[in-house]
């Protein structure tokens, strides 16, 4: 029986290769997951911090510039109706400015962003205080005094507030660019890792395949040798069986001739048996007739024996008579 002696070795090779591939895939999966976490964190920075910061700071800066223009127009005009209309727009802008700052503060997640926002809030408070003074003087038609404060105090406060907003905007944009660069680097590293991982997996798979092919080759060579040995044994056995078959065929031929002769003999014996049976029937009839004749002869013999007995008795009587006669004759002669 053919036995593969390297099944366990082949099984271990296949198992080791399989688990090696699984381990490599798991390793590269973990690395890819780590890169994805980095991409996710960077994306969160962009979506939740950098992008809102850029949008809010842009809107705040626009409203600040518009409000600065409105307060300047408010100081320069003497028409009460225009002042009232400008006051309404200024009030609306200041409310919007407060709302935007409050909403933006909720999106800040980094320490540097909070520090910049604190400085911007301090600059805004100083600016709004001087803005209110100018607005109050202008509303009271103290335009000259309002203009002096506008030029000497509000403009520097505006510049400081604008600079704080610009720094906050630059930080948000820089933070977004850094997050984008991290995303790009993570994506590039992930692509390289995937390519390297695929290459390494292919190499390991190729190495395992080569080992398996070699092991299978050795197994096949062993099987081939065993097959050749078994084939030789089978050929010798077949030759012996062929010789035995020829002998059996010859013996079968002789036995067939003997059987033919035996068949003829049995046929003759059957014919003789039939004749013997017929003769036996005839002999049985003759025997029955003979028995009847014998029975009759026995009866006659019995009667003849009885007659002979009577004849013997008569002979004795006759002998006695003859003896008497002889005696008488003898005596007569004597006489």
C-alpha atoms as a PDB file:
ATOM      1  CA  UNK A   1       0.000   0.000   0.000  1.00  0.00           C
ATOM      2  CA  UNK A   2       1.253   3.418  -0.980  1.00  0.00           C
ATOM      3  CA  UNK A   3       1.768   5.757   1.960  1.00  0.00           C
ATOM      4  CA  UNK A   4       2.621   9.455   1.818  1.00  0.00           C
ATOM      5  CA  UNK A   5       5.151  10.008   4.562  1.00  0.00           C
ATOM      6  CA  UNK A   6       5.310  13.795   4.204  1.00  0.00           C
ATOM      7  CA  UNK A   7       1.645  14.664   4.705  1.00  0.00           C
ATOM      8  CA  UNK A   8       2.387  16.125   8.150  1.00  0.00           C
ATOM      9  CA  UNK A   9       5.330  18.119   6.787  1.00  0.00           C
ATOM     10  CA  UNK A  10       3.211  19.449   3.940  1.00  0.00           C
ATOM     11  CA  UNK A  11       0.404  20.251   6.359  1.00  0.00           C
ATOM     12  CA  UNK A  12       2.805  22.146   8.617  1.00  0.00           C
ATOM     13  CA  UNK A  13       4.195  24.064   5.641  1.00  0.00           C
ATOM     14  CA  UNK A  14       0.738  25.009   4.456  1.00  0.00           C
ATOM     15  CA  UNK A  15      -0.331  25.936   8.000  1.00  0.00           C
ATOM     16  CA  UNK A  16       2.813  27.995   8.649  1.00  0.00           C
ATOM     17  CA  UNK A  17       2.445  29.746   5.301  1.00  0.00           C
ATOM     18  CA  UNK A  18      -1.212  30.460   5.940  1.00  0.00           C
ATOM     19  CA  UNK A  19      -0.621  31.815   9.440  1.00  0.00           C
ATOM     20  CA  UNK A  20       2.343  33.864   8.189  1.00  0.00           C
ATOM     21  CA  UNK A  21       0.145  35.469   5.571  1.00  0.00           C
ATOM     22  CA  UNK A  22      -2.582  36.083   8.156  1.00  0.00           C
ATOM     23  CA  UNK A  23      -0.025  37.644  10.515  1.00  0.00           C
ATOM     24  CA  UNK A  24       1.340  39.913   7.777  1.00  0.00           C
ATOM     25  CA  UNK A  25      -2.136  40.937   6.700  1.00  0.00           C
ATOM     26  CA  UNK A  26      -3.075  41.636  10.325  1.00  0.00           C
ATOM     27  CA  UNK A  27       0.125  43.674  10.805  1.00  0.00           C
ATOM     28  CA  UNK A  28      -0.440  45.765   7.719  1.00  0.00           C
ATOM     29  CA  UNK A  29      -4.101  46.056   8.641  1.00  0.00           C
ATOM     30  CA  UNK A  30      -3.093  47.459  12.041  1.00  0.00           C
ATOM     31  CA  UNK A  31      -0.662  49.896  10.406  1.00  0.00           C
ATOM     32  CA  UNK A  32      -3.305  50.928   7.892  1.00  0.00           C
ATOM     33  CA  UNK A  33      -5.819  51.374  10.722  1.00  0.00           C
ATOM     34  CA  UNK A  34      -3.322  53.548  12.565  1.00  0.00           C
ATOM     35  CA  UNK A  35      -2.867  55.664   9.453  1.00  0.00           C
ATOM     36  CA  UNK A  36      -6.618  55.891   9.088  1.00  0.00           C
ATOM     37  CA  UNK A  37      -6.892  57.068  12.692  1.00  0.00           C
ATOM     38  CA  UNK A  38      -4.332  59.772  11.899  1.00  0.00           C
ATOM     39  CA  UNK A  39      -6.306  60.737   8.795  1.00  0.00           C
ATOM     40  CA  UNK A  40      -9.500  60.770  10.850  1.00  0.00           C
ATOM     41  CA  UNK A  41      -7.934  62.998  13.523  1.00  0.00           C
ATOM     42  CA  UNK A  42      -6.539  65.362  10.892  1.00  0.00           C
ATOM     43  CA  UNK A  43      -9.865  65.453   9.099  1.00  0.00           C
ATOM     44  CA  UNK A  44     -11.573  66.236  12.397  1.00  0.00           C
ATOM     45  CA  UNK A  45      -9.125  69.088  12.950  1.00  0.00           C
ATOM     46  CA  UNK A  46      -9.979  70.470   9.536  1.00  0.00           C
ATOM     47  CA  UNK A  47     -13.742  69.984   9.754  1.00  0.00           C
ATOM     48  CA  UNK A  48     -14.267  70.839  13.420  1.00  0.00           C
ATOM     49  CA  UNK A  49     -11.537  73.431  14.032  1.00  0.00           C
ATOM     50  CA  UNK A  50      -9.607  74.804  11.065  1.00  0.00           C
ATOM     51  CA  UNK A  51     -12.492  75.170   8.645  1.00  0.00           C
ATOM     52  CA  UNK A  52     -14.910  76.766  11.144  1.00  0.00           C
ATOM     53  CA  UNK A  53     -12.069  79.004  12.344  1.00  0.00           C
ATOM     54  CA  UNK A  54     -11.363  80.213   8.816  1.00  0.00           C
ATOM     55  CA  UNK A  55     -15.065  80.766   8.102  1.00  0.00           C
ATOM     56  CA  UNK A  56     -15.850  82.480  11.401  1.00  0.00           C
ATOM     57  CA  UNK A  57     -12.738  84.662  11.356  1.00  0.00           C
ATOM     58  CA  UNK A  58     -13.445  85.655   7.774  1.00  0.00           C
ATOM     59  CA  UNK A  59     -17.014  86.662   8.656  1.00  0.00           C
ATOM     60  CA  UNK A  60     -15.892  88.446  11.843  1.00  0.00           C
ATOM     61  CA  UNK A  61     -13.232  90.335   9.906  1.00  0.00           C
ATOM     62  CA  UNK A  62     -15.748  91.403   7.259  1.00  0.00           C
ATOM     63  CA  UNK A  63     -18.228  92.608   9.884  1.00  0.00           C
ATOM     64  CA  UNK A  64     -15.448  94.417  11.737  1.00  0.00           C
ATOM     65  CA  UNK A  65     -14.366  96.248   8.611  1.00  0.00           C
ATOM     66  CA  UNK A  66     -17.966  97.106   7.772  1.00  0.00           C
ATOM     67  CA  UNK A  67     -18.612  98.316  11.304  1.00  0.00           C
ATOM     68  CA  UNK A  68     -15.484 100.473  11.181  1.00  0.00           C
ATOM     69  CA  UNK A  69     -16.729 102.092   7.992  1.00  0.00           C
ATOM     70  CA  UNK A  70     -20.205 102.565   9.448  1.00  0.00           C
ATOM     71  CA  UNK A  71     -18.888 104.273  12.612  1.00  0.00           C
ATOM     72  CA  UNK A  72     -16.720 106.555  10.512  1.00  0.00           C
ATOM     73  CA  UNK A  73     -19.744 107.513   8.395  1.00  0.00           C
ATOM     74  CA  UNK A  74     -21.724 108.008  11.594  1.00  0.00           C
ATOM     75  CA  UNK A  75     -19.095 110.483  12.868  1.00  0.00           C
ATOM     76  CA  UNK A  76     -18.829 112.351   9.579  1.00  0.00           C
ATOM     77  CA  UNK A  77     -22.572 112.918   9.000  1.00  0.00           C
ATOM     78  CA  UNK A  78     -24.723 115.513  10.683  1.00  0.00           C
ATOM     79  CA  UNK A  79     -28.051 114.185   9.427  1.00  0.00           C
ATOM     80  CA  UNK A  80     -30.089 112.606  12.170  1.00  0.00           C
ATOM     81  CA  UNK A  81     -31.916 110.257   9.812  1.00  0.00           C
ATOM     82  CA  UNK A  82     -28.642 108.915   8.423  1.00  0.00           C
ATOM     83  CA  UNK A  83     -27.229 108.549  11.920  1.00  0.00           C
ATOM     84  CA  UNK A  84     -30.316 106.512  12.946  1.00  0.00           C
ATOM     85  CA  UNK A  85     -30.002 104.232   9.915  1.00  0.00           C
ATOM     86  CA  UNK A  86     -26.282 103.766  10.562  1.00  0.00           C
ATOM     87  CA  UNK A  87     -27.003 103.100  14.241  1.00  0.00           C
ATOM     88  CA  UNK A  88     -29.433 100.331  13.269  1.00  0.00           C
ATOM     89  CA  UNK A  89     -26.844  98.696  10.983  1.00  0.00           C
ATOM     90  CA  UNK A  90     -24.129  99.069  13.621  1.00  0.00           C
ATOM     91  CA  UNK A  91     -26.368  97.469  16.268  1.00  0.00           C
ATOM     92  CA  UNK A  92     -27.110  94.565  13.954  1.00  0.00           C
ATOM     93  CA  UNK A  93     -23.408  94.116  13.103  1.00  0.00           C
ATOM     94  CA  UNK A  94     -22.362  94.154  16.738  1.00  0.00           C
ATOM     95  CA  UNK A  95     -24.989  91.498  17.586  1.00  0.00           C
ATOM     96  CA  UNK A  96     -23.778  89.370  14.677  1.00  0.00           C
ATOM     97  CA  UNK A  97     -20.192  89.871  15.759  1.00  0.00           C
ATOM     98  CA  UNK A  98     -21.028  88.673  19.285  1.00  0.00           C
ATOM     99  CA  UNK A  99     -22.910  85.624  17.955  1.00  0.00           C
ATOM    100  CA  UNK A 100     -20.078  84.614  15.601  1.00  0.00           C
ATOM    101  CA  UNK A 101     -17.481  84.878  18.344  1.00  0.00           C
ATOM    102  CA  UNK A 102     -19.629  82.791  20.689  1.00  0.00           C
ATOM    103  CA  UNK A 103     -20.160  80.087  18.035  1.00  0.00           C
ATOM    104  CA  UNK A 104     -16.503  80.040  17.071  1.00  0.00           C
ATOM    105  CA  UNK A 105     -15.433  79.620  20.684  1.00  0.00           C
ATOM    106  CA  UNK A 106     -17.367  76.302  20.778  1.00  0.00           C
ATOM    107  CA  UNK A 107     -15.301  74.898  17.890  1.00  0.00           C
ATOM    108  CA  UNK A 108     -11.834  75.624  19.302  1.00  0.00           C
ATOM    109  CA  UNK A 109     -10.127  72.391  20.391  1.00  0.00           C
ATOM    110  CA  UNK A 110      -6.426  73.258  20.488  1.00  0.00           C
ATOM    111  CA  UNK A 111      -4.630  75.123  23.232  1.00  0.00           C
ATOM    112  CA  UNK A 112      -2.939  77.555  20.871  1.00  0.00           C
ATOM    113  CA  UNK A 113      -6.275  78.395  19.303  1.00  0.00           C
ATOM    114  CA  UNK A 114      -7.755  79.131  22.710  1.00  0.00           C
ATOM    115  CA  UNK A 115      -4.817  81.366  23.621  1.00  0.00           C
ATOM    116  CA  UNK A 116      -5.245  83.330  20.384  1.00  0.00           C
ATOM    117  CA  UNK A 117      -8.992  83.570  20.974  1.00  0.00           C
ATOM    118  CA  UNK A 118      -8.390  84.937  24.462  1.00  0.00           C
ATOM    119  CA  UNK A 119      -6.143  87.655  23.020  1.00  0.00           C
ATOM    120  CA  UNK A 120      -8.690  88.373  20.306  1.00  0.00           C
ATOM    121  CA  UNK A 121     -11.470  88.648  22.915  1.00  0.00           C
ATOM    122  CA  UNK A 122      -9.363  91.138  24.933  1.00  0.00           C
ATOM    123  CA  UNK A 123      -8.702  93.189  21.809  1.00  0.00           C
ATOM    124  CA  UNK A 124     -12.396  93.045  20.910  1.00  0.00           C
ATOM    125  CA  UNK A 125     -13.414  94.290  24.356  1.00  0.00           C
ATOM    126  CA  UNK A 126     -11.005  97.269  24.104  1.00  0.00           C
ATOM    127  CA  UNK A 127     -12.202  98.010  20.564  1.00  0.00           C
ATOM    128  CA  UNK A 128     -15.905  97.800  21.475  1.00  0.00           C
ATOM    129  CA  UNK A 129     -15.376 100.083  24.492  1.00  0.00           C
ATOM    130  CA  UNK A 130     -13.788 102.810  22.349  1.00  0.00           C
ATOM    131  CA  UNK A 131     -16.345 102.093  19.579  1.00  0.00           C
ATOM    132  CA  UNK A 132     -19.172 102.743  22.031  1.00  0.00           C
ATOM    133  CA  UNK A 133     -17.549 106.022  23.160  1.00  0.00           C
ATOM    134  CA  UNK A 134     -17.223 107.303  19.597  1.00  0.00           C
ATOM    135  CA  UNK A 135     -20.748 106.171  18.750  1.00  0.00           C
ATOM    136  CA  UNK A 136     -22.145 107.901  21.842  1.00  0.00           C
ATOM    137  CA  UNK A 137     -20.352 111.183  21.067  1.00  0.00           C
ATOM    138  CA  UNK A 138     -21.383 111.027  17.422  1.00  0.00           C
ATOM    139  CA  UNK A 139     -25.007 110.380  18.336  1.00  0.00           C
ATOM    140  CA  UNK A 140     -24.799 113.435  20.631  1.00  0.00           C
ATOM    141  CA  UNK A 141     -23.607 115.443  17.602  1.00  0.00           C
ATOM    142  CA  UNK A 142     -20.202 115.878  19.177  1.00  0.00           C
ATOM    143  CA  UNK A 143     -18.595 114.989  15.924  1.00  0.00           C
ATOM    144  CA  UNK A 144     -15.320 116.810  16.490  1.00  0.00           C
ATOM    145  CA  UNK A 145     -14.681 115.127  19.812  1.00  0.00           C
ATOM    146  CA  UNK A 146     -15.856 111.826  18.363  1.00  0.00           C
ATOM    147  CA  UNK A 147     -13.483 112.210  15.424  1.00  0.00           C
ATOM    148  CA  UNK A 148     -10.556 112.851  17.733  1.00  0.00           C
ATOM    149  CA  UNK A 149     -11.260 109.701  19.715  1.00  0.00           C
ATOM    150  CA  UNK A 150     -11.905 107.812  16.480  1.00  0.00           C
ATOM    151  CA  UNK A 151      -8.515 108.802  15.099  1.00  0.00           C
ATOM    152  CA  UNK A 152      -6.527 108.658  18.296  1.00  0.00           C
ATOM    153  CA  UNK A 153      -8.016 105.660  20.105  1.00  0.00           C
ATOM    154  CA  UNK A 154     -10.473 103.690  17.950  1.00  0.00           C
ATOM    155  CA  UNK A 155      -8.169 103.240  14.998  1.00  0.00           C
ATOM    156  CA  UNK A 156      -5.330 101.766  17.089  1.00  0.00           C
ATOM    157  CA  UNK A 157      -7.869  99.571  18.885  1.00  0.00           C
ATOM    158  CA  UNK A 158      -9.290  98.527  15.498  1.00  0.00           C
ATOM    159  CA  UNK A 159      -5.785  97.703  14.250  1.00  0.00           C
ATOM    160  CA  UNK A 160      -5.086  95.616  17.345  1.00  0.00           C
ATOM    161  CA  UNK A 161      -8.427  93.793  17.055  1.00  0.00           C
ATOM    162  CA  UNK A 162      -7.954  93.279  13.321  1.00  0.00           C
ATOM    163  CA  UNK A 163      -4.449  91.944  13.949  1.00  0.00           C
ATOM    164  CA  UNK A 164      -5.806  89.491  16.564  1.00  0.00           C
ATOM    165  CA  UNK A 165      -8.436  88.321  14.084  1.00  0.00           C
ATOM    166  CA  UNK A 166      -5.765  87.955  11.396  1.00  0.00           C
ATOM    167  CA  UNK A 167      -3.596  85.854  13.711  1.00  0.00           C
ATOM    168  CA  UNK A 168      -6.579  83.669  14.590  1.00  0.00           C
ATOM    169  CA  UNK A 169      -7.360  83.276  10.882  1.00  0.00           C
ATOM    170  CA  UNK A 170      -3.729  82.503  10.062  1.00  0.00           C
ATOM    171  CA  UNK A 171      -3.678  79.900  12.817  1.00  0.00           C
ATOM    172  CA  UNK A 172      -6.851  78.266  11.507  1.00  0.00           C
ATOM    173  CA  UNK A 173      -5.478  78.212   7.958  1.00  0.00           C
ATOM    174  CA  UNK A 174      -2.083  76.963   9.126  1.00  0.00           C
ATOM    175  CA  UNK A 175      -3.763  74.315  11.259  1.00  0.00           C
ATOM    176  CA  UNK A 176      -5.799  73.252   8.235  1.00  0.00           C
ATOM    177  CA  UNK A 177      -2.689  73.091   6.044  1.00  0.00           C
ATOM    178  CA  UNK A 178      -0.856  71.024   8.692  1.00  0.00           C
ATOM    179  CA  UNK A 179      -3.801  68.673   8.977  1.00  0.00           C
ATOM    180  CA  UNK A 180      -3.965  68.432   5.199  1.00  0.00           C
ATOM    181  CA  UNK A 181      -0.243  67.689   5.045  1.00  0.00           C
ATOM    182  CA  UNK A 182      -0.701  64.993   7.698  1.00  0.00           C
ATOM    183  CA  UNK A 183      -3.565  63.501   5.721  1.00  0.00           C
ATOM    184  CA  UNK A 184      -1.483  63.539   2.548  1.00  0.00           C
ATOM    185  CA  UNK A 185       1.498  62.000   4.357  1.00  0.00           C
ATOM    186  CA  UNK A 186      -0.726  59.361   5.938  1.00  0.00           C
ATOM    187  CA  UNK A 187      -2.328  58.551   2.613  1.00  0.00           C
ATOM    188  CA  UNK A 188       1.086  58.310   0.952  1.00  0.00           C
ATOM    189  CA  UNK A 189       2.439  56.151   3.772  1.00  0.00           C
ATOM    190  CA  UNK A 190      -0.671  53.982   3.621  1.00  0.00           C
ATOM    191  CA  UNK A 191      -0.299  53.515  -0.119  1.00  0.00           C
ATOM    192  CA  UNK A 192       3.373  52.650   0.287  1.00  0.00           C
ATOM    193  CA  UNK A 193       2.558  50.336   3.185  1.00  0.00           C
ATOM    194  CA  UNK A 194      -0.141  48.612   1.157  1.00  0.00           C
ATOM    195  CA  UNK A 195       2.183  48.205  -1.815  1.00  0.00           C
ATOM    196  CA  UNK A 196       5.000  46.986   0.423  1.00  0.00           C
ATOM    197  CA  UNK A 197       2.623  44.708   2.290  1.00  0.00           C
ATOM    198  CA  UNK A 198       1.239  43.257  -0.912  1.00  0.00           C
ATOM    199  CA  UNK A 199       4.789  42.709  -2.172  1.00  0.00           C
ATOM    200  CA  UNK A 200       5.853  41.074   1.084  1.00  0.00           C
ATOM    201  CA  UNK A 201       2.731  38.909   1.162  1.00  0.00           C
ATOM    202  CA  UNK A 202       3.422  37.854  -2.428  1.00  0.00           C
ATOM    203  CA  UNK A 203       7.030  37.010  -1.523  1.00  0.00           C
ATOM    204  CA  UNK A 204       5.938  34.970   1.474  1.00  0.00           C
ATOM    205  CA  UNK A 205       3.259  33.267  -0.590  1.00  0.00           C
ATOM    206  CA  UNK A 206       5.833  32.545  -3.315  1.00  0.00           C
ATOM    207  CA  UNK A 207       8.284  31.147  -0.763  1.00  0.00           C
ATOM    208  CA  UNK A 208       5.585  28.961   0.775  1.00  0.00           C
ATOM    209  CA  UNK A 209       4.503  27.842  -2.691  1.00  0.00           C
ATOM    210  CA  UNK A 210       8.106  26.914  -3.587  1.00  0.00           C
ATOM    211  CA  UNK A 211       8.462  24.954  -0.343  1.00  0.00           C
ATOM    212  CA  UNK A 212       5.159  23.205  -0.936  1.00  0.00           C
ATOM    213  CA  UNK A 213       6.098  22.420  -4.549  1.00  0.00           C
ATOM    214  CA  UNK A 214       9.423  20.987  -3.437  1.00  0.00           C
ATOM    215  CA  UNK A 215       7.753  18.961  -0.708  1.00  0.00           C
ATOM    216  CA  UNK A 216       5.151  17.731  -3.164  1.00  0.00           C
ATOM    217  CA  UNK A 217       7.922  16.906  -5.633  1.00  0.00           C
ATOM    218  CA  UNK A 218       9.725  14.845  -3.007  1.00  0.00           C
ATOM    219  CA  UNK A 219       6.480  13.142  -2.110  1.00  0.00           C
ATOM    220  CA  UNK A 220       5.709  12.428  -5.742  1.00  0.00           C
ATOM    221  CA  UNK A 221       9.187  11.009  -6.298  1.00  0.00           C
ATOM    222  CA  UNK A 222       8.714   8.768  -3.273  1.00  0.00           C
ATOM    223  CA  UNK A 223       5.292   7.753  -4.542  1.00  0.00           C
ATOM    224  CA  UNK A 224       6.733   7.094  -8.004  1.00  0.00           C
ATOM    225  CA  UNK A 225       9.433   4.875  -6.562  1.00  0.00           C
ATOM    226  CA  UNK A 226       6.898   2.996  -4.497  1.00  0.00           C
ATOM    227  CA  UNK A 227       4.672   2.677  -7.563  1.00  0.00           C
ATOM    228  CA  UNK A 228       7.572   1.323  -9.591  1.00  0.00           C
ATOM    229  CA  UNK A 229       8.399  -1.190  -6.849  1.00  0.00           C
ATOM    230  CA  UNK A 230       4.764  -2.169  -6.526  1.00  0.00           C
ATOM    231  CA  UNK A 231       4.502  -2.398 -10.319  1.00  0.00           C
ATOM    232  CA  UNK A 232       7.448  -4.803 -10.427  1.00  0.00           C
ATOM    233  CA  UNK A 233       5.862  -6.881  -7.679  1.00  0.00           C
ATOM    234  CA  UNK A 234       2.548  -6.750  -9.503  1.00  0.00           C
ATOM    235  CA  UNK A 235       4.228  -7.784 -12.776  1.00  0.00           C
ATOM    236  CA  UNK A 236       5.895 -10.773 -11.096  1.00  0.00           C
ATOM    237  CA  UNK A 237       2.602 -11.694  -9.471  1.00  0.00           C
ATOM    238  CA  UNK A 238       0.844 -11.366 -12.836  1.00  0.00           C
ATOM    239  CA  UNK A 239       3.483 -13.593 -14.459  1.00  0.00           C
ATOM    240  CA  UNK A 240       2.969 -16.203 -11.767  1.00  0.00           C
ATOM    241  CA  UNK A 241      -0.772 -15.926 -12.168  1.00  0.00           C
ATOM    242  CA  UNK A 242      -0.359 -16.312 -15.946  1.00  0.00           C
ATOM    243  CA  UNK A 243       1.739 -19.451 -15.482  1.00  0.00           C
ATOM    244  CA  UNK A 244      -0.775 -20.819 -13.024  1.00  0.00           C
ATOM    245  CA  UNK A 245      -3.564 -19.941 -15.444  1.00  0.00           C
ATOM    246  CA  UNK A 246      -1.842 -21.835 -18.256  1.00  0.00           C
ATOM    247  CA  UNK A 247      -1.387 -24.855 -15.985  1.00  0.00           C
ATOM    248  CA  UNK A 248      -4.971 -24.558 -14.900  1.00  0.00           C
ATOM    249  CA  UNK A 249      -6.076 -24.279 -18.502  1.00  0.00           C
ATOM    250  CA  UNK A 250      -4.113 -27.408 -19.422  1.00  0.00           C
ATOM    251  CA  UNK A 251      -5.498 -29.258 -16.413  1.00  0.00           C
ATOM    252  CA  UNK A 252      -8.910 -27.974 -17.303  1.00  0.00           C
ATOM    253  CA  UNK A 253      -8.472 -29.383 -20.826  1.00  0.00           C
ATOM    254  CA  UNK A 254      -7.459 -32.739 -19.466  1.00  0.00           C
ATOM    255  CA  UNK A 255     -10.274 -32.605 -16.988  1.00  0.00           C
ATOM    256  CA  UNK A 256     -12.626 -31.729 -19.837  1.00  0.00           C
ATOM    257  CA  UNK A 257     -11.484 -34.854 -21.754  1.00  0.00           C
ATOM    258  CA  UNK A 258     -11.937 -36.928 -18.607  1.00  0.00           C
ATOM    259  CA  UNK A 259     -15.320 -35.397 -18.078  1.00  0.00           C
ATOM    260  CA  UNK A 260     -16.251 -36.202 -21.692  1.00  0.00           C
ATOM    261  CA  UNK A 261     -15.176 -39.829 -21.176  1.00  0.00           C
ATOM    262  CA  UNK A 262     -16.949 -39.896 -17.857  1.00  0.00           C
ATOM    263  CA  UNK A 263     -20.009 -38.459 -19.525  1.00  0.00           C
ATOM    264  CA  UNK A 264     -19.925 -41.218 -22.153  1.00  0.00           C
ATOM    265  CA  UNK A 265     -19.437 -43.829 -19.457  1.00  0.00           C
ATOM    266  CA  UNK A 266     -22.269 -42.352 -17.447  1.00  0.00           C
ATOM    267  CA  UNK A 267     -24.429 -42.404 -20.575  1.00  0.00           C
ATOM    268  CA  UNK A 268     -23.632 -46.072 -21.108  1.00  0.00           C
ATOM    269  CA  UNK A 269     -24.215 -46.736 -17.417  1.00  0.00           C
ATOM    270  CA  UNK A 270     -27.535 -44.951 -17.654  1.00  0.00           C
ATOM    271  CA  UNK A 271     -28.462 -47.136 -20.644  1.00  0.00           C
ATOM    272  CA  UNK A 272     -27.296 -50.201 -18.782  1.00  0.00           C
ATOM    273  CA  UNK A 273     -29.220 -49.052 -15.733  1.00  0.00           C
ATOM    274  CA  UNK A 274     -32.316 -48.731 -17.868  1.00  0.00           C
ATOM    275  CA  UNK A 275     -31.683 -52.250 -19.309  1.00  0.00           C
ATOM    276  CA  UNK A 276     -30.943 -53.625 -15.824  1.00  0.00           C
ATOM    277  CA  UNK A 277     -34.126 -52.036 -14.564  1.00  0.00           C
ATOM    278  CA  UNK A 278     -36.054 -53.685 -17.380  1.00  0.00           C
ATOM    279  CA  UNK A 279     -34.277 -56.997 -16.741  1.00  0.00           C
ATOM    280  CA  UNK A 280     -34.943 -56.614 -13.047  1.00  0.00           C
ATOM    281  CA  UNK A 281     -38.615 -56.168 -13.785  1.00  0.00           C
ATOM    282  CA  UNK A 282     -38.531 -59.300 -15.990  1.00  0.00           C
ATOM    283  CA  UNK A 283     -36.522 -61.176 -13.366  1.00  0.00           C
ATOM    284  CA  UNK A 284     -39.012 -60.093 -10.756  1.00  0.00           C
ATOM    285  CA  UNK A 285     -41.808 -61.567 -12.871  1.00  0.00           C
ATOM    286  CA  UNK A 286     -39.879 -64.779 -13.440  1.00  0.00           C
ATOM    287  CA  UNK A 287     -38.995 -64.930  -9.764  1.00  0.00           C
ATOM    288  CA  UNK A 288     -42.647 -64.562  -8.878  1.00  0.00           C
ATOM    289  CA  UNK A 289     -43.506 -67.362 -11.333  1.00  0.00           C
ATOM    290  CA  UNK A 290     -40.624 -69.462 -10.002  1.00  0.00           C
ATOM    291  CA  UNK A 291     -41.796 -68.879  -6.486  1.00  0.00           C
ATOM    292  CA  UNK A 292     -45.257 -70.016  -7.454  1.00  0.00           C
ATOM    293  CA  UNK A 293     -43.827 -73.143  -9.137  1.00  0.00           C
ATOM    294  CA  UNK A 294     -41.564 -73.699  -6.135  1.00  0.00           C
ATOM    295  CA  UNK A 295     -44.530 -73.415  -3.843  1.00  0.00           C
ATOM    296  CA  UNK A 296     -46.419 -75.941  -5.992  1.00  0.00           C
ATOM    297  CA  UNK A 297     -43.345 -78.207  -6.172  1.00  0.00           C
ATOM    298  CA  UNK A 298     -42.981 -77.987  -2.411  1.00  0.00           C
ATOM    299  CA  UNK A 299     -46.563 -79.030  -2.059  1.00  0.00           C
ATOM    300  CA  UNK A 300     -45.983 -81.927  -4.509  1.00  0.00           C
ATOM    301  CA  UNK A 301     -42.788 -82.858  -2.692  1.00  0.00           C
ATOM    302  CA  UNK A 302     -44.709 -82.901   0.553  1.00  0.00           C
ATOM    303  CA  UNK A 303     -47.293 -85.147  -1.010  1.00  0.00           C
ATOM    304  CA  UNK A 304     -44.510 -87.293  -2.623  1.00  0.00           C
ATOM    305  CA  UNK A 305     -42.758 -87.507   0.752  1.00  0.00           C
ATOM    306  CA  UNK A 306     -45.983 -88.625   2.308  1.00  0.00           C
ATOM    307  CA  UNK A 307     -46.407 -91.181  -0.539  1.00  0.00           C
ATOM    308  CA  UNK A 308     -42.854 -92.354  -0.127  1.00  0.00           C
ATOM    309  CA  UNK A 309     -43.418 -92.708   3.578  1.00  0.00           C
ATOM    310  CA  UNK A 310     -46.464 -94.779   2.799  1.00  0.00           C
ATOM    311  CA  UNK A 311     -44.469 -96.695   0.196  1.00  0.00           C
ATOM    312  CA  UNK A 312     -41.742 -97.257   2.773  1.00  0.00           C
ATOM    313  CA  UNK A 313     -44.277 -98.479   5.214  1.00  0.00           C
ATOM    314  CA  UNK A 314     -45.726-100.708   2.466  1.00  0.00           C
ATOM    315  CA  UNK A 315     -42.238-101.914   1.611  1.00  0.00           C
ATOM    316  CA  UNK A 316     -41.650-102.831   5.162  1.00  0.00           C
ATOM    317  CA  UNK A 317     -44.912-104.710   5.155  1.00  0.00           C
ATOM    318  CA  UNK A 318     -43.985-106.318   1.865  1.00  0.00           C
ATOM    319  CA  UNK A 319     -40.529-107.112   3.200  1.00  0.00           C
ATOM    320  CA  UNK A 320     -42.116-108.653   6.188  1.00  0.00           C
ATOM    321  CA  UNK A 321     -44.418-110.614   3.918  1.00  0.00           C
ATOM    322  CA  UNK A 322     -41.481-111.584   1.659  1.00  0.00           C
ATOM    323  CA  UNK A 323     -39.517-112.593   4.687  1.00  0.00           C
ATOM    324  CA  UNK A 324     -42.426-114.643   5.833  1.00  0.00           C
ATOM    325  CA  UNK A 325     -42.753-116.142   2.396  1.00  0.00           C
ATOM    326  CA  UNK A 326     -38.994-116.872   2.267  1.00  0.00           C
ATOM    327  CA  UNK A 327     -39.185-118.441   5.640  1.00  0.00           C
ATOM    328  CA  UNK A 328     -42.146-120.408   4.511  1.00  0.00           C
ATOM    329  CA  UNK A 329     -40.307-121.332   1.308  1.00  0.00           C
ATOM    330  CA  UNK A 330     -37.232-122.223   3.227  1.00  0.00           C
ATOM    331  CA  UNK A 331     -39.199-124.345   5.497  1.00  0.00           C
ATOM    332  CA  UNK A 332     -40.957-125.723   2.522  1.00  0.00           C
ATOM    333  CA  UNK A 333     -37.673-126.596   0.952  1.00  0.00           C
ATOM    334  CA  UNK A 334     -36.671-128.175   4.118  1.00  0.00           C
ATOM    335  CA  UNK A 335     -39.671-130.130   3.868  1.00  0.00           C
END
